[in-house]
PDB file of N, CA and C in Angstrom:
ATOM      1  N   MET A   1      -6.001 -10.739  20.242  1.00  0.00           N
ATOM      2  CA  MET A   1      -5.551  -9.356  20.208  1.00  0.00           C
ATOM      3  C   MET A   1      -6.698  -8.493  19.700  1.00  0.00           C
ATOM      4  N   SER A   2      -6.986  -7.397  20.398  1.00  0.00           N
ATOM      5  CA  SER A   2      -8.096  -6.539  19.991  1.00  0.00           C
ATOM      6  C   SER A   2      -7.717  -5.714  18.768  1.00  0.00           C
ATOM      7  N   LYS A   3      -8.749  -5.132  18.140  1.00  0.00           N
ATOM      8  CA  LYS A   3      -8.519  -4.314  16.942  1.00  0.00           C
ATOM      9  C   LYS A   3      -7.648  -3.108  17.262  1.00  0.00           C
ATOM     10  N   ILE A   4      -7.854  -2.507  18.405  1.00  0.00           N
ATOM     11  CA  ILE A   4      -7.062  -1.336  18.779  1.00  0.00           C
ATOM     12  C   ILE A   4      -5.605  -1.732  18.991  1.00  0.00           C
ATOM     13  N   GLN A   5      -5.370  -2.866  19.646  1.00  0.00           N
ATOM     14  CA  GLN A   5      -3.993  -3.306  19.856  1.00  0.00           C
ATOM     15  C   GLN A   5      -3.322  -3.626  18.525  1.00  0.00           C
ATOM     16  N   MET A   6      -4.054  -4.231  17.594  1.00  0.00           N
ATOM     17  CA  MET A   6      -3.473  -4.546  16.289  1.00  0.00           C
ATOM     18  C   MET A   6      -3.161  -3.268  15.523  1.00  0.00           C
ATOM     19  N   SER A   7      -4.035  -2.257  15.608  1.00  0.00           N
ATOM     20  CA  SER A   7      -3.789  -1.019  14.872  1.00  0.00           C
ATOM     21  C   SER A   7      -2.677  -0.200  15.522  1.00  0.00           C
ATOM     22  N   LYS A   8      -2.477  -0.353  16.826  1.00  0.00           N
ATOM     23  CA  LYS A   8      -1.395   0.342  17.516  1.00  0.00           C
ATOM     24  C   LYS A   8      -0.042  -0.253  17.162  1.00  0.00           C
ATOM     25  N   LYS A   9      -0.057  -1.472  16.707  1.00  0.00           N
ATOM     26  CA  LYS A   9       1.165  -2.215  16.471  1.00  0.00           C
ATOM     27  C   LYS A   9       2.138  -1.479  15.547  1.00  0.00           C
ATOM     28  N   ASN A  10       1.634  -0.775  14.526  1.00  0.00           N
ATOM     29  CA  ASN A  10       2.505  -0.140  13.548  1.00  0.00           C
ATOM     30  C   ASN A  10       2.635   1.363  13.739  1.00  0.00           C
ATOM     31  N   LEU A  11       2.266   1.885  14.887  1.00  0.00           N
ATOM     32  CA  LEU A  11       2.350   3.327  15.112  1.00  0.00           C
ATOM     33  C   LEU A  11       3.739   3.775  15.549  1.00  0.00           C
ATOM     34  N   GLY A  12       4.637   2.869  15.772  1.00  0.00           N
ATOM     35  CA  GLY A  12       5.994   3.243  16.145  1.00  0.00           C
ATOM     36  C   GLY A  12       6.285   2.852  17.580  1.00  0.00           C
ATOM     37  N   SER A  13       7.553   2.818  17.889  1.00  0.00           N
ATOM     38  CA  SER A  13       7.973   2.489  19.238  1.00  0.00           C
ATOM     39  C   SER A  13       9.338   3.111  19.462  1.00  0.00           C
ATOM     40  N   ALA A  14       9.929   2.772  20.576  1.00  0.00           N
ATOM     41  CA  ALA A  14      11.244   3.325  20.894  1.00  0.00           C
ATOM     42  C   ALA A  14      12.288   2.915  19.853  1.00  0.00           C
ATOM     43  N   LYS A  15      12.074   1.793  19.178  1.00  0.00           N
ATOM     44  CA  LYS A  15      13.037   1.338  18.166  1.00  0.00           C
ATOM     45  C   LYS A  15      13.141   2.315  17.005  1.00  0.00           C
ATOM     46  N   HIS A  16      12.047   3.002  16.697  1.00  0.00           N
ATOM     47  CA  HIS A  16      12.015   3.867  15.524  1.00  0.00           C
ATOM     48  C   HIS A  16      12.146   5.344  15.883  1.00  0.00           C
ATOM     49  N   GLY A  17      12.303   5.654  17.151  1.00  0.00           N
ATOM     50  CA  GLY A  17      12.382   7.039  17.585  1.00  0.00           C
ATOM     51  C   GLY A  17      13.593   7.767  17.034  1.00  0.00           C
ATOM     52  N   THR A  18      14.733   7.100  16.997  1.00  0.00           N
ATOM     53  CA  THR A  18      15.948   7.729  16.483  1.00  0.00           C
ATOM     54  C   THR A  18      15.816   8.031  15.003  1.00  0.00           C
ATOM     55  N   ASN A  19      15.271   7.097  14.260  1.00  0.00           N
ATOM     56  CA  ASN A  19      15.067   7.296  12.824  1.00  0.00           C
ATOM     57  C   ASN A  19      14.135   8.484  12.576  1.00  0.00           C
ATOM     58  N   HIS A  20      13.068   8.568  13.321  1.00  0.00           N
ATOM     59  CA  HIS A  20      12.106   9.666  13.212  1.00  0.00           C
ATOM     60  C   HIS A  20      12.797  10.992  13.529  1.00  0.00           C
ATOM     61  N   TRP A  21      13.591  11.006  14.588  1.00  0.00           N
ATOM     62  CA  TRP A  21      14.312  12.209  15.001  1.00  0.00           C
ATOM     63  C   TRP A  21      15.264  12.670  13.903  1.00  0.00           C
ATOM     64  N   TRP A  22      16.006  11.733  13.309  1.00  0.00           N
ATOM     65  CA  TRP A  22      16.946  12.091  12.238  1.00  0.00           C
ATOM     66  C   TRP A  22      16.221  12.622  11.007  1.00  0.00           C
ATOM     67  N   HIS A  23      15.131  11.999  10.636  1.00  0.00           N
ATOM     68  CA  HIS A  23      14.366  12.476   9.474  1.00  0.00           C
ATOM     69  C   HIS A  23      13.887  13.903   9.706  1.00  0.00           C
ATOM     70  N   GLN A  24      13.444  14.182  10.915  1.00  0.00           N
ATOM     71  CA  GLN A  24      12.967  15.526  11.215  1.00  0.00           C
ATOM     72  C   GLN A  24      14.107  16.537  11.139  1.00  0.00           C
ATOM     73  N   ARG A  25      15.283  16.186  11.629  1.00  0.00           N
ATOM     74  CA  ARG A  25      16.430  17.100  11.596  1.00  0.00           C
ATOM     75  C   ARG A  25      16.948  17.301  10.176  1.00  0.00           C
ATOM     76  N   VAL A  26      17.031  16.226   9.406  1.00  0.00           N
ATOM     77  CA  VAL A  26      17.528  16.337   8.026  1.00  0.00           C
ATOM     78  C   VAL A  26      16.584  17.184   7.181  1.00  0.00           C
ATOM     79  N   THR A  27      15.285  16.969   7.324  1.00  0.00           N
ATOM     80  CA  THR A  27      14.342  17.784   6.552  1.00  0.00           C
ATOM     81  C   THR A  27      14.387  19.240   7.005  1.00  0.00           C
ATOM     82  N   ALA A  28      14.614  19.484   8.284  1.00  0.00           N
ATOM     83  CA  ALA A  28      14.714  20.863   8.775  1.00  0.00           C
ATOM     84  C   ALA A  28      15.923  21.567   8.169  1.00  0.00           C
ATOM     85  N   ILE A  29      17.045  20.879   8.106  1.00  0.00           N
ATOM     86  CA  ILE A  29      18.250  21.475   7.514  1.00  0.00           C
ATOM     87  C   ILE A  29      18.042  21.716   6.023  1.00  0.00           C
ATOM     88  N   ALA A  30      17.490  20.737   5.327  1.00  0.00           N
ATOM     89  CA  ALA A  30      17.233  20.902   3.889  1.00  0.00           C
ATOM     90  C   ALA A  30      16.258  22.047   3.648  1.00  0.00           C
ATOM     91  N   LEU A  31      15.230  22.138   4.478  1.00  0.00           N
ATOM     92  CA  LEU A  31      14.233  23.199   4.310  1.00  0.00           C
ATOM     93  C   LEU A  31      14.806  24.582   4.601  1.00  0.00           C
ATOM     94  N   THR A  32      15.813  24.652   5.439  1.00  0.00           N
ATOM     95  CA  THR A  32      16.456  25.942   5.686  1.00  0.00           C
ATOM     96  C   THR A  32      16.987  26.515   4.379  1.00  0.00           C
ATOM     97  N   PHE A  33      17.725  25.702   3.637  1.00  0.00           N
ATOM     98  CA  PHE A  33      18.298  26.161   2.372  1.00  0.00           C
ATOM     99  C   PHE A  33      17.232  26.323   1.288  1.00  0.00           C
ATOM    100  N   LEU A  34      16.300  25.388   1.232  1.00  0.00           N
ATOM    101  CA  LEU A  34      15.245  25.478   0.220  1.00  0.00           C
ATOM    102  C   LEU A  34      14.356  26.701   0.442  1.00  0.00           C
ATOM    103  N   CYS A  35      14.043  27.007   1.689  1.00  0.00           N
ATOM    104  CA  CYS A  35      13.194  28.173   1.966  1.00  0.00           C
ATOM    105  C   CYS A  35      13.927  29.477   1.678  1.00  0.00           C
ATOM    106  N   ILE A  36      15.223  29.525   1.982  1.00  0.00           N
ATOM    107  CA  ILE A  36      16.002  30.720   1.634  1.00  0.00           C
ATOM    108  C   ILE A  36      15.980  30.913   0.123  1.00  0.00           C
ATOM    109  N   TRP A  37      16.233  29.835  -0.628  1.00  0.00           N
ATOM    110  CA  TRP A  37      16.191  29.916  -2.096  1.00  0.00           C
ATOM    111  C   TRP A  37      14.815  30.387  -2.568  1.00  0.00           C
ATOM    112  N   PHE A  38      13.761  29.804  -2.007  1.00  0.00           N
ATOM    113  CA  PHE A  38      12.405  30.124  -2.444  1.00  0.00           C
ATOM    114  C   PHE A  38      12.047  31.579  -2.136  1.00  0.00           C
ATOM    115  N   ILE A  39      12.368  32.040  -0.941  1.00  0.00           N
ATOM    116  CA  ILE A  39      12.043  33.417  -0.555  1.00  0.00           C
ATOM    117  C   ILE A  39      12.799  34.415  -1.424  1.00  0.00           C
ATOM    118  N   VAL A  40      14.090  34.162  -1.653  1.00  0.00           N
ATOM    119  CA  VAL A  40      14.877  35.055  -2.513  1.00  0.00           C
ATOM    120  C   VAL A  40      14.309  35.049  -3.930  1.00  0.00           C
ATOM    121  N   SER A  41      13.982  33.880  -4.445  1.00  0.00           N
ATOM    122  CA  SER A  41      13.447  33.777  -5.807  1.00  0.00           C
ATOM    123  C   SER A  41      12.122  34.509  -5.951  1.00  0.00           C
ATOM    124  N   ILE A  42      11.228  34.311  -5.018  1.00  0.00           N
ATOM    125  CA  ILE A  42       9.924  34.970  -5.077  1.00  0.00           C
ATOM    126  C   ILE A  42      10.083  36.482  -4.915  1.00  0.00           C
ATOM    127  N   THR A  43      11.004  36.889  -4.053  1.00  0.00           N
ATOM    128  CA  THR A  43      11.255  38.321  -3.877  1.00  0.00           C
ATOM    129  C   THR A  43      11.753  38.945  -5.178  1.00  0.00           C
ATOM    130  N   LEU A  44      12.625  38.235  -5.883  1.00  0.00           N
ATOM    131  CA  LEU A  44      13.134  38.748  -7.158  1.00  0.00           C
ATOM    132  C   LEU A  44      12.047  38.789  -8.230  1.00  0.00           C
ATOM    133  N   LEU A  45      11.022  37.979  -8.073  1.00  0.00           N
ATOM    134  CA  LEU A  45       9.914  37.968  -9.033  1.00  0.00           C
ATOM    135  C   LEU A  45       8.842  39.010  -8.716  1.00  0.00           C
ATOM    136  N   THR A  46       9.005  39.722  -7.616  1.00  0.00           N
ATOM    137  CA  THR A  46       8.016  40.731  -7.240  1.00  0.00           C
ATOM    138  C   THR A  46       7.893  41.772  -8.349  1.00  0.00           C
ATOM    139  N   GLY A  47       6.685  42.017  -8.769  1.00  0.00           N
ATOM    140  CA  GLY A  47       6.433  42.991  -9.827  1.00  0.00           C
ATOM    141  C   GLY A  47       6.568  42.432 -11.232  1.00  0.00           C
ATOM    142  N   ALA A  48       6.941  41.167 -11.343  1.00  0.00           N
ATOM    143  CA  ALA A  48       7.086  40.554 -12.665  1.00  0.00           C
ATOM    144  C   ALA A  48       5.708  40.211 -13.231  1.00  0.00           C
ATOM    145  N   GLU A  49       5.653  40.069 -14.512  1.00  0.00           N
ATOM    146  CA  GLU A  49       4.422  39.672 -15.187  1.00  0.00           C
ATOM    147  C   GLU A  49       4.157  38.184 -14.937  1.00  0.00           C
ATOM    148  N   TYR A  50       2.927  37.779 -15.173  1.00  0.00           N
ATOM    149  CA  TYR A  50       2.531  36.378 -15.017  1.00  0.00           C
ATOM    150  C   TYR A  50       3.408  35.471 -15.878  1.00  0.00           C
ATOM    151  N   GLN A  51       3.639  35.867 -17.118  1.00  0.00           N
ATOM    152  CA  GLN A  51       4.416  35.040 -18.044  1.00  0.00           C
ATOM    153  C   GLN A  51       5.857  34.871 -17.564  1.00  0.00           C
ATOM    154  N   ASP A  52       6.412  35.893 -16.926  1.00  0.00           N
ATOM    155  CA  ASP A  52       7.770  35.788 -16.382  1.00  0.00           C
ATOM    156  C   ASP A  52       7.825  34.748 -15.264  1.00  0.00           C
ATOM    157  N   ALA A  53       6.849  34.772 -14.369  1.00  0.00           N
ATOM    158  CA  ALA A  53       6.790  33.790 -13.283  1.00  0.00           C
ATOM    159  C   ALA A  53       6.558  32.387 -13.841  1.00  0.00           C
ATOM    160  N   TYR A  54       5.718  32.295 -14.846  1.00  0.00           N
ATOM    161  CA  TYR A  54       5.438  31.008 -15.496  1.00  0.00           C
ATOM    162  C   TYR A  54       6.712  30.448 -16.125  1.00  0.00           C
ATOM    163  N   ASN A  55       7.439  31.295 -16.847  1.00  0.00           N
ATOM    164  CA  ASN A  55       8.690  30.864 -17.479  1.00  0.00           C
ATOM    165  C   ASN A  55       9.749  30.506 -16.441  1.00  0.00           C
ATOM    166  N   TRP A  56       9.744  31.208 -15.322  1.00  0.00           N
ATOM    167  CA  TRP A  56      10.681  30.897 -14.244  1.00  0.00           C
ATOM    168  C   TRP A  56      10.418  29.487 -13.709  1.00  0.00           C
ATOM    169  N   LEU A  57       9.152  29.156 -13.505  1.00  0.00           N
ATOM    170  CA  LEU A  57       8.801  27.845 -12.959  1.00  0.00           C
ATOM    171  C   LEU A  57       9.031  26.722 -13.965  1.00  0.00           C
ATOM    172  N   LYS A  58       9.093  27.043 -15.247  1.00  0.00           N
ATOM    173  CA  LYS A  58       9.317  26.022 -16.274  1.00  0.00           C
ATOM    174  C   LYS A  58      10.780  25.577 -16.357  1.00  0.00           C
ATOM    175  N   GLN A  59      11.679  26.287 -15.715  1.00  0.00           N
ATOM    176  CA  GLN A  59      13.091  25.902 -15.736  1.00  0.00           C
ATOM    177  C   GLN A  59      13.269  24.604 -14.940  1.00  0.00           C
ATOM    178  N   PRO A  60      14.042  23.652 -15.476  1.00  0.00           N
ATOM    179  CA  PRO A  60      14.181  22.353 -14.797  1.00  0.00           C
ATOM    180  C   PRO A  60      14.714  22.449 -13.364  1.00  0.00           C
ATOM    181  N   LEU A  61      15.702  23.292 -13.136  1.00  0.00           N
ATOM    182  CA  LEU A  61      16.251  23.419 -11.785  1.00  0.00           C
ATOM    183  C   LEU A  61      15.209  23.988 -10.823  1.00  0.00           C
ATOM    184  N   VAL A  62      14.484  24.984 -11.266  1.00  0.00           N
ATOM    185  CA  VAL A  62      13.449  25.605 -10.430  1.00  0.00           C
ATOM    186  C   VAL A  62      12.329  24.605 -10.147  1.00  0.00           C
ATOM    187  N   THR A  63      11.936  23.859 -11.171  1.00  0.00           N
ATOM    188  CA  THR A  63      10.898  22.839 -10.975  1.00  0.00           C
ATOM    189  C   THR A  63      11.351  21.800  -9.958  1.00  0.00           C
ATOM    190  N   GLY A  64      12.575  21.319 -10.103  1.00  0.00           N
ATOM    191  CA  GLY A  64      13.103  20.320  -9.171  1.00  0.00           C
ATOM    192  C   GLY A  64      13.179  20.834  -7.746  1.00  0.00           C
ATOM    193  N   LEU A  65      13.700  22.048  -7.583  1.00  0.00           N
ATOM    194  CA  LEU A  65      13.798  22.621  -6.238  1.00  0.00           C
ATOM    195  C   LEU A  65      12.414  22.904  -5.647  1.00  0.00           C
ATOM    196  N   SER A  66      11.475  23.302  -6.486  1.00  0.00           N
ATOM    197  CA  SER A  66      10.105  23.534  -6.009  1.00  0.00           C
ATOM    198  C   SER A  66       9.467  22.231  -5.537  1.00  0.00           C
ATOM    199  N   LEU A  67       9.669  21.170  -6.295  1.00  0.00           N
ATOM    200  CA  LEU A  67       9.136  19.863  -5.894  1.00  0.00           C
ATOM    201  C   LEU A  67       9.769  19.397  -4.583  1.00  0.00           C
ATOM    202  N   LEU A  68      11.086  19.568  -4.464  1.00  0.00           N
ATOM    203  CA  LEU A  68      11.765  19.194  -3.219  1.00  0.00           C
ATOM    204  C   LEU A  68      11.230  20.006  -2.038  1.00  0.00           C
ATOM    205  N   THR A  69      11.002  21.285  -2.259  1.00  0.00           N
ATOM    206  CA  THR A  69      10.479  22.140  -1.193  1.00  0.00           C
ATOM    207  C   THR A  69       9.110  21.651  -0.726  1.00  0.00           C
ATOM    208  N   VAL A  70       8.245  21.331  -1.673  1.00  0.00           N
ATOM    209  CA  VAL A  70       6.902  20.845  -1.318  1.00  0.00           C
ATOM    210  C   VAL A  70       6.990  19.516  -0.577  1.00  0.00           C
ATOM    211  N   VAL A  71       7.747  18.574  -1.118  1.00  0.00           N
ATOM    212  CA  VAL A  71       7.829  17.236  -0.519  1.00  0.00           C
ATOM    213  C   VAL A  71       8.461  17.302   0.874  1.00  0.00           C
ATOM    214  N   PHE A  72       9.585  18.003   1.002  1.00  0.00           N
ATOM    215  CA  PHE A  72      10.247  18.093   2.305  1.00  0.00           C
ATOM    216  C   PHE A  72       9.387  18.840   3.324  1.00  0.00           C
ATOM    217  N   THR A  73       8.703  19.895   2.884  1.00  0.00           N
ATOM    218  CA  THR A  73       7.849  20.654   3.799  1.00  0.00           C
ATOM    219  C   THR A  73       6.723  19.780   4.343  1.00  0.00           C
ATOM    220  N   LEU A  74       6.059  19.061   3.459  1.00  0.00           N
ATOM    221  CA  LEU A  74       4.934  18.237   3.908  1.00  0.00           C
ATOM    222  C   LEU A  74       5.397  17.033   4.723  1.00  0.00           C
ATOM    223  N   TYR A  75       6.554  16.467   4.377  1.00  0.00           N
ATOM    224  CA  TYR A  75       7.083  15.354   5.169  1.00  0.00           C
ATOM    225  C   TYR A  75       7.464  15.844   6.567  1.00  0.00           C
ATOM    226  N   HIS A  76       8.117  17.003   6.625  1.00  0.00           N
ATOM    227  CA  HIS A  76       8.503  17.586   7.910  1.00  0.00           C
ATOM    228  C   HIS A  76       7.256  17.921   8.739  1.00  0.00           C
ATOM    229  N   LEU A  77       6.247  18.475   8.091  1.00  0.00           N
ATOM    230  CA  LEU A  77       4.976  18.773   8.756  1.00  0.00           C
ATOM    231  C   LEU A  77       4.353  17.499   9.323  1.00  0.00           C
ATOM    232  N   ASN A  78       4.335  16.456   8.517  1.00  0.00           N
ATOM    233  CA  ASN A  78       3.752  15.184   8.933  1.00  0.00           C
ATOM    234  C   ASN A  78       4.491  14.616  10.146  1.00  0.00           C
ATOM    235  N   LEU A  79       5.821  14.667  10.114  1.00  0.00           N
ATOM    236  CA  LEU A  79       6.605  14.161  11.243  1.00  0.00           C
ATOM    237  C   LEU A  79       6.311  14.952  12.520  1.00  0.00           C
ATOM    238  N   GLY A  80       6.264  16.269  12.396  1.00  0.00           N
ATOM    239  CA  GLY A  80       6.004  17.106  13.562  1.00  0.00           C
ATOM    240  C   GLY A  80       4.617  16.902  14.134  1.00  0.00           C
ATOM    241  N   LEU A  81       3.619  16.855  13.259  1.00  0.00           N
ATOM    242  CA  LEU A  81       2.251  16.638  13.735  1.00  0.00           C
ATOM    243  C   LEU A  81       2.085  15.256  14.352  1.00  0.00           C
ATOM    244  N   GLN A  82       2.796  14.275  13.822  1.00  0.00           N
ATOM    245  CA  GLN A  82       2.729  12.928  14.391  1.00  0.00           C
ATOM    246  C   GLN A  82       3.215  12.942  15.838  1.00  0.00           C
ATOM    247  N   VAL A  83       4.313  13.620  16.096  1.00  0.00           N
ATOM    248  CA  VAL A  83       4.841  13.700  17.461  1.00  0.00           C
ATOM    249  C   VAL A  83       3.853  14.409  18.382  1.00  0.00           C
ATOM    250  N   ILE A  84       3.293  15.514  17.909  1.00  0.00           N
ATOM    251  CA  ILE A  84       2.329  16.265  18.728  1.00  0.00           C
ATOM    252  C   ILE A  84       1.104  15.407  19.037  1.00  0.00           C
ATOM    253  N   ILE A  85       0.583  14.734  18.020  1.00  0.00           N
ATOM    254  CA  ILE A  85      -0.605  13.893  18.213  1.00  0.00           C
ATOM    255  C   ILE A  85      -0.306  12.753  19.172  1.00  0.00           C
ATOM    256  N   GLU A  86       0.832  12.091  18.992  1.00  0.00           N
ATOM    257  CA  GLU A  86       1.171  10.968  19.865  1.00  0.00           C
ATOM    258  C   GLU A  86       1.397  11.411  21.304  1.00  0.00           C
ATOM    259  N   ASP A  87       1.910  12.624  21.489  1.00  0.00           N
ATOM    260  CA  ASP A  87       2.192  13.103  22.843  1.00  0.00           C
ATOM    261  C   ASP A  87       0.963  13.655  23.564  1.00  0.00           C
ATOM    262  N   TYR A  88       0.044  14.283  22.844  1.00  0.00           N
ATOM    263  CA  TYR A  88      -1.017  15.035  23.503  1.00  0.00           C
ATOM    264  C   TYR A  88      -2.423  14.480  23.331  1.00  0.00           C
ATOM    265  N   ILE A  89      -2.615  13.510  22.466  1.00  0.00           N
ATOM    266  CA  ILE A  89      -3.930  12.871  22.362  1.00  0.00           C
ATOM    267  C   ILE A  89      -3.822  11.514  23.045  1.00  0.00           C
ATOM    268  N   HIS A  90      -4.622  11.319  24.066  1.00  0.00           N
ATOM    269  CA  HIS A  90      -4.468  10.126  24.896  1.00  0.00           C
ATOM    270  C   HIS A  90      -5.472   9.024  24.592  1.00  0.00           C
ATOM    271  N   THR A  91      -6.560   9.342  23.930  1.00  0.00           N
ATOM    272  CA  THR A  91      -7.532   8.324  23.554  1.00  0.00           C
ATOM    273  C   THR A  91      -7.026   7.642  22.287  1.00  0.00           C
ATOM    274  N   GLU A  92      -6.852   6.333  22.350  1.00  0.00           N
ATOM    275  CA  GLU A  92      -6.208   5.611  21.249  1.00  0.00           C
ATOM    276  C   GLU A  92      -6.952   5.730  19.925  1.00  0.00           C
ATOM    277  N   ILE A  93      -8.257   5.580  19.943  1.00  0.00           N
ATOM    278  CA  ILE A  93      -9.005   5.623  18.684  1.00  0.00           C
ATOM    279  C   ILE A  93      -8.948   7.025  18.077  1.00  0.00           C
ATOM    280  N   THR A  94      -8.999   8.051  18.924  1.00  0.00           N
ATOM    281  CA  THR A  94      -8.884   9.432  18.442  1.00  0.00           C
ATOM    282  C   THR A  94      -7.496   9.669  17.864  1.00  0.00           C
ATOM    283  N   LYS A  95      -6.485   9.130  18.526  1.00  0.00           N
ATOM    284  CA  LYS A  95      -5.106   9.268  18.057  1.00  0.00           C
ATOM    285  C   LYS A  95      -4.932   8.616  16.687  1.00  0.00           C
ATOM    286  N   ILE A  96      -5.461   7.429  16.523  1.00  0.00           N
ATOM    287  CA  ILE A  96      -5.335   6.698  15.256  1.00  0.00           C
ATOM    288  C   ILE A  96      -6.062   7.434  14.135  1.00  0.00           C
ATOM    289  N   ILE A  97      -7.277   7.870  14.410  1.00  0.00           N
ATOM    290  CA  ILE A  97      -8.060   8.579  13.387  1.00  0.00           C
ATOM    291  C   ILE A  97      -7.381   9.898  13.016  1.00  0.00           C
ATOM    292  N   THR A  98      -6.885  10.624  14.006  1.00  0.00           N
ATOM    293  CA  THR A  98      -6.216  11.899  13.736  1.00  0.00           C
ATOM    294  C   THR A  98      -4.951  11.688  12.916  1.00  0.00           C
ATOM    295  N   LEU A  99      -4.171  10.674  13.246  1.00  0.00           N
ATOM    296  CA  LEU A  99      -2.964  10.375  12.464  1.00  0.00           C
ATOM    297  C   LEU A  99      -3.317  10.025  11.020  1.00  0.00           C
ATOM    298  N   MET A 100      -4.386   9.258  10.843  1.00  0.00           N
ATOM    299  CA  MET A 100      -4.811   8.906   9.485  1.00  0.00           C
ATOM    300  C   MET A 100      -5.253  10.143   8.713  1.00  0.00           C
ATOM    301  N   LEU A 101      -5.988  11.043   9.361  1.00  0.00           N
ATOM    302  CA  LEU A 101      -6.440  12.275   8.703  1.00  0.00           C
ATOM    303  C   LEU A 101      -5.267  13.181   8.335  1.00  0.00           C
ATOM    304  N   VAL A 102      -4.287  13.289   9.216  1.00  0.00           N
ATOM    305  CA  VAL A 102      -3.103  14.106   8.926  1.00  0.00           C
ATOM    306  C   VAL A 102      -2.331  13.515   7.753  1.00  0.00           C
ATOM    307  N   ASN A 103      -2.146  12.202   7.753  1.00  0.00           N
ATOM    308  CA  ASN A 103      -1.447  11.552   6.640  1.00  0.00           C
ATOM    309  C   ASN A 103      -2.189  11.769   5.325  1.00  0.00           C
ATOM    310  N   PHE A 104      -3.498  11.621   5.361  1.00  0.00           N
ATOM    311  CA  PHE A 104      -4.312  11.803   4.161  1.00  0.00           C
ATOM    312  C   PHE A 104      -4.241  13.248   3.668  1.00  0.00           C
ATOM    313  N   ALA A 105      -4.346  14.202   4.586  1.00  0.00           N
ATOM    314  CA  ALA A 105      -4.292  15.621   4.206  1.00  0.00           C
ATOM    315  C   ALA A 105      -2.938  15.976   3.602  1.00  0.00           C
ATOM    316  N   CYS A 106      -1.861  15.504   4.208  1.00  0.00           N
ATOM    317  CA  CYS A 106      -0.521  15.772   3.662  1.00  0.00           C
ATOM    318  C   CYS A 106      -0.366  15.146   2.282  1.00  0.00           C
ATOM    319  N   LEU A 107      -0.898  13.961   2.097  1.00  0.00           N
ATOM    320  CA  LEU A 107      -0.819  13.295   0.800  1.00  0.00           C
ATOM    321  C   LEU A 107      -1.591  14.071  -0.265  1.00  0.00           C
ATOM    322  N   ILE A 108      -2.804  14.491   0.048  1.00  0.00           N
ATOM    323  CA  ILE A 108      -3.628  15.228  -0.921  1.00  0.00           C
ATOM    324  C   ILE A 108      -2.990  16.573  -1.268  1.00  0.00           C
ATOM    325  N   VAL A 109      -2.537  17.306  -0.261  1.00  0.00           N
ATOM    326  CA  VAL A 109      -1.896  18.604  -0.515  1.00  0.00           C
ATOM    327  C   VAL A 109      -0.618  18.409  -1.326  1.00  0.00           C
ATOM    328  N   GLY A 110       0.168  17.400  -0.975  1.00  0.00           N
ATOM    329  CA  GLY A 110       1.406  17.129  -1.705  1.00  0.00           C
ATOM    330  C   GLY A 110       1.163  16.760  -3.152  1.00  0.00           C
ATOM    331  N   LEU A 111       0.199  15.884  -3.390  1.00  0.00           N
ATOM    332  CA  LEU A 111      -0.119  15.503  -4.768  1.00  0.00           C
ATOM    333  C   LEU A 111      -0.624  16.695  -5.572  1.00  0.00           C
ATOM    334  N   THR A 112      -1.469  17.506  -4.965  1.00  0.00           N
ATOM    335  CA  THR A 112      -1.996  18.681  -5.660  1.00  0.00           C
ATOM    336  C   THR A 112      -0.877  19.654  -6.028  1.00  0.00           C
ATOM    337  N   CYS A 113      -0.007  19.941  -5.082  1.00  0.00           N
ATOM    338  CA  CYS A 113       1.103  20.868  -5.346  1.00  0.00           C
ATOM    339  C   CYS A 113       2.056  20.314  -6.398  1.00  0.00           C
ATOM    340  N   CYS A 114       2.446  19.053  -6.248  1.00  0.00           N
ATOM    341  CA  CYS A 114       3.397  18.457  -7.193  1.00  0.00           C
ATOM    342  C   CYS A 114       2.805  18.364  -8.595  1.00  0.00           C
ATOM    343  N   LEU A 115       1.550  17.968  -8.693  1.00  0.00           N
ATOM    344  CA  LEU A 115       0.918  17.900 -10.012  1.00  0.00           C
ATOM    345  C   LEU A 115       0.791  19.279 -10.643  1.00  0.00           C
ATOM    346  N   SER A 116       0.526  20.294  -9.838  1.00  0.00           N
ATOM    347  CA  SER A 116       0.434  21.661 -10.362  1.00  0.00           C
ATOM    348  C   SER A 116       1.781  22.139 -10.889  1.00  0.00           C
ATOM    349  N   ILE A 117       2.835  21.877 -10.148  1.00  0.00           N
ATOM    350  CA  ILE A 117       4.181  22.264 -10.584  1.00  0.00           C
ATOM    351  C   ILE A 117       4.556  21.521 -11.856  1.00  0.00           C
ATOM    352  N   LEU A 118       4.274  20.222 -11.899  1.00  0.00           N
ATOM    353  CA  LEU A 118       4.598  19.428 -13.092  1.00  0.00           C
ATOM    354  C   LEU A 118       3.756  19.841 -14.290  1.00  0.00           C
ATOM    355  N   LEU A 119       2.528  20.243 -14.056  1.00  0.00           N
ATOM    356  CA  LEU A 119       1.670  20.716 -15.143  1.00  0.00           C
ATOM    357  C   LEU A 119       2.266  21.964 -15.790  1.00  0.00           C
ATOM    358  N   VAL A 120       2.770  22.870 -14.979  1.00  0.00           N
ATOM    359  CA  VAL A 120       3.429  24.065 -15.522  1.00  0.00           C
ATOM    360  C   VAL A 120       4.697  23.661 -16.273  1.00  0.00           C
ATOM    361  N   PHE A 121       5.484  22.767 -15.679  1.00  0.00           N
ATOM    362  CA  PHE A 121       6.750  22.358 -16.298  1.00  0.00           C
ATOM    363  C   PHE A 121       6.536  21.717 -17.667  1.00  0.00           C
ATOM    364  N   PHE A 122       5.520  20.868 -17.775  1.00  0.00           N
ATOM    365  CA  PHE A 122       5.286  20.172 -19.041  1.00  0.00           C
ATOM    366  C   PHE A 122       4.401  20.959 -20.003  1.00  0.00           C
ATOM    367  N   GLY A 123       4.067  22.187 -19.645  1.00  0.00           N
ATOM    368  CA  GLY A 123       3.409  23.071 -20.595  1.00  0.00           C
ATOM    369  C   GLY A 123       1.908  23.070 -20.588  1.00  0.00           C
ATOM    370  N   GLY A 124       1.289  22.500 -19.587  1.00  0.00           N
ATOM    371  CA  GLY A 124      -0.171  22.543 -19.518  1.00  0.00           C
ATOM    372  C   GLY A 124      -0.646  23.930 -19.133  1.00  0.00           C
ATOM    373  N   LYS A 125      -1.822  24.275 -19.543  1.00  0.00           N
ATOM    374  CA  LYS A 125      -2.368  25.605 -19.208  1.00  0.00           C
ATOM    375  C   LYS A 125      -3.508  25.462 -18.241  1.00  0.00           C
TER     376      LYS A 125
END
């Protein structure tokens, strides 16, 4: 078995298509409510001082919902980009490298956002 065939082995197949589809739909529904909450909250903070926004983010419920928003957004993004890459990039090695880069970028952005939110929650400056 060639290296490309071995690396293609875990990229998904028709068996996992339904699971992927459901994850994308569930995250979309969750993000609908989370984004409404986030937009309303940020709108209400318009004109507030820095310390007010900082104190708002330190609330446990706000921290939890913010973390969920970041995680669900990046997971949903990753799922969508995976479908686009698999459908429109036809060279296997390019497809594999692009999928790896997207996964890595989503992981780095997610870790940065989550650590920043947790840093505020636990009182770091």
